[in-house]
Protein backbone atom coordinates (compact mmCIF):
# COMPACT_ATOMS: atom_id res chain seq x y z
CA UNK A 1 -11.10 -4.71 33.31
CA UNK A 2 -11.74 -1.07 34.10
CA UNK A 3 -11.86 1.80 31.65
CA UNK A 4 -8.52 3.17 32.85
CA UNK A 5 -6.82 -0.21 32.30
CA UNK A 6 -8.18 -0.31 28.76
CA UNK A 7 -6.98 3.24 28.11
CA UNK A 8 -3.53 2.41 29.48
CA UNK A 9 -3.34 -0.68 27.26
CA UNK A 10 -4.39 1.34 24.20
CA UNK A 11 -1.82 4.07 24.80
CA UNK A 12 0.91 1.49 25.53
CA UNK A 13 0.12 -0.34 22.28
CA UNK A 14 0.16 2.88 20.26
CA UNK A 15 3.49 4.02 21.69
CA UNK A 16 5.15 0.68 20.91
CA UNK A 17 3.65 0.38 17.42
CA UNK A 18 4.80 3.86 16.40
CA UNK A 19 8.46 2.79 16.62
CA UNK A 20 7.91 -0.16 14.24
CA UNK A 21 8.08 2.16 11.22
CA UNK A 22 4.58 1.50 9.96
CA UNK A 23 2.87 4.48 11.54
CA UNK A 24 5.03 7.58 12.18
CA UNK A 25 8.42 6.86 10.74
CA UNK A 26 11.60 8.51 11.94
CA UNK A 27 11.50 11.39 9.46
CA UNK A 28 10.95 14.29 11.88
CA UNK A 29 13.28 12.65 14.47
CA UNK A 30 12.25 14.60 17.45
CA UNK A 31 13.42 11.94 19.86
CA UNK A 32 16.70 13.78 20.52
CA UNK A 33 15.15 17.18 21.14
CA UNK A 34 14.66 18.63 24.61
CA UNK A 35 11.36 17.62 26.15
CA UNK A 36 10.55 15.01 23.50
CA UNK A 37 9.53 12.38 26.03
CA UNK A 38 7.31 14.93 27.74
CA UNK A 39 5.66 15.82 24.44
CA UNK A 40 5.02 12.14 23.64
CA UNK A 41 3.58 11.62 27.12
CA UNK A 42 1.33 14.64 26.62
CA UNK A 43 0.14 13.31 23.25
CA UNK A 44 -0.61 9.88 24.76
CA UNK A 45 -2.40 11.41 27.74
CA UNK A 46 -4.47 13.71 25.53
CA UNK A 47 -5.50 10.75 23.37
CA UNK A 48 -6.52 8.77 26.45
CA UNK A 49 -8.57 11.69 27.79
CA UNK A 50 -10.24 12.15 24.40
CA UNK A 51 -11.18 8.46 24.28
CA UNK A 52 -12.55 8.65 27.82
CA UNK A 53 -14.66 11.71 27.01
CA UNK A 54 -15.88 10.01 23.86
CA UNK A 55 -16.91 6.94 25.87
CA UNK A 56 -18.74 9.11 28.40
CA UNK A 57 -20.48 10.98 25.58
CA UNK A 58 -21.46 7.66 24.01
CA UNK A 59 -23.06 6.45 27.25
CA UNK A 60 -24.92 9.72 27.85
CA UNK A 61 -26.18 9.70 24.26
CA UNK A 62 -27.40 6.11 24.65
CA UNK A 63 -29.28 7.09 27.80
CA UNK A 64 -30.76 10.14 26.08
CA UNK A 65 -31.86 8.10 23.09
CA UNK A 66 -33.47 5.50 25.36
CA UNK A 67 -35.21 8.17 27.40
CA UNK A 68 -36.58 9.75 24.23
CA UNK A 69 -37.77 6.40 22.94
CA UNK A 70 -39.62 5.35 26.07
CA UNK A 71 -41.20 8.75 26.72
CA UNK A 72 -42.13 9.40 23.08
CA UNK A 73 -40.04 12.57 23.14
CA UNK A 74 -38.60 12.50 19.64
CA UNK A 75 -36.35 15.51 20.18
CA UNK A 76 -34.42 13.67 22.88
CA UNK A 77 -34.21 10.57 20.74
CA UNK A 78 -32.83 12.56 17.80
CA UNK A 79 -30.32 14.34 20.03
CA UNK A 80 -29.18 10.97 21.36
CA UNK A 81 -28.70 9.67 17.82
CA UNK A 82 -26.64 12.72 16.89
CA UNK A 83 -24.56 12.27 20.03
CA UNK A 84 -23.94 8.61 19.21
CA UNK A 85 -22.74 9.54 15.75
CA UNK A 86 -20.53 12.34 17.05
CA UNK A 87 -18.94 10.30 19.85
CA UNK A 88 -18.29 7.32 17.57
CA UNK A 89 -16.72 9.58 14.95
CA UNK A 90 -14.56 11.28 17.57
CA UNK A 91 -13.30 7.95 18.93
CA UNK A 92 -12.55 6.76 15.39
CA UNK A 93 -10.59 9.94 14.58
CA UNK A 94 -8.58 9.74 17.81
CA UNK A 95 -7.68 6.15 17.00
CA UNK A 96 -6.80 7.00 13.40
CA UNK A 97 -4.83 10.19 14.15
CA UNK A 98 -1.37 8.64 13.82
CA UNK A 99 -2.22 6.79 10.60
CA UNK A 100 -3.85 9.88 9.06
CA UNK A 101 -0.85 12.01 10.00
CA UNK A 102 1.50 9.45 8.47
CA UNK A 103 -0.58 9.26 5.29
CA UNK A 104 -0.76 13.02 4.73
CA UNK A 105 2.87 13.59 5.72
CA UNK A 106 4.09 11.13 3.08
CA UNK A 107 1.50 12.02 0.44
CA UNK A 108 3.84 14.18 -1.62
CA UNK A 109 6.79 11.78 -1.54
CA UNK A 110 5.24 9.24 -3.92
CA UNK A 111 5.35 11.58 -6.91
C-alpha cells in the first residue's frame, strides 16, 4: 500500500465519520451554502498534505538522528530528536483537529 492510498483512506474515513454526529455535528450546517463541497474537499486535501509533510519530516528526522549517532555529531542527533517530536506532534494534531474543534465548539453548551 502506497502513502497516497493510505492518505486517501484516511481522508475517506474522516469524511464519512463526520456525518455520524460524533465529531462535527450539524450545528453550523454549512452543507447548503454555496461552495460547501469545495470547502470540505479543500479541508480534506489540506489535511492529507499536512500528514504527508509530517511523514516526510519524520523520515528526514530519523535519518538525521541516525547520522548524528553514527558520526558522533551530537548536534545532528539532537536536531533529529526535535524533528521527530515536532513531526509526531503535528501528525497527532492534524488527526485530532476535528475532535478538538468539536470539543471546544460545544464547551459552553454544557453549563
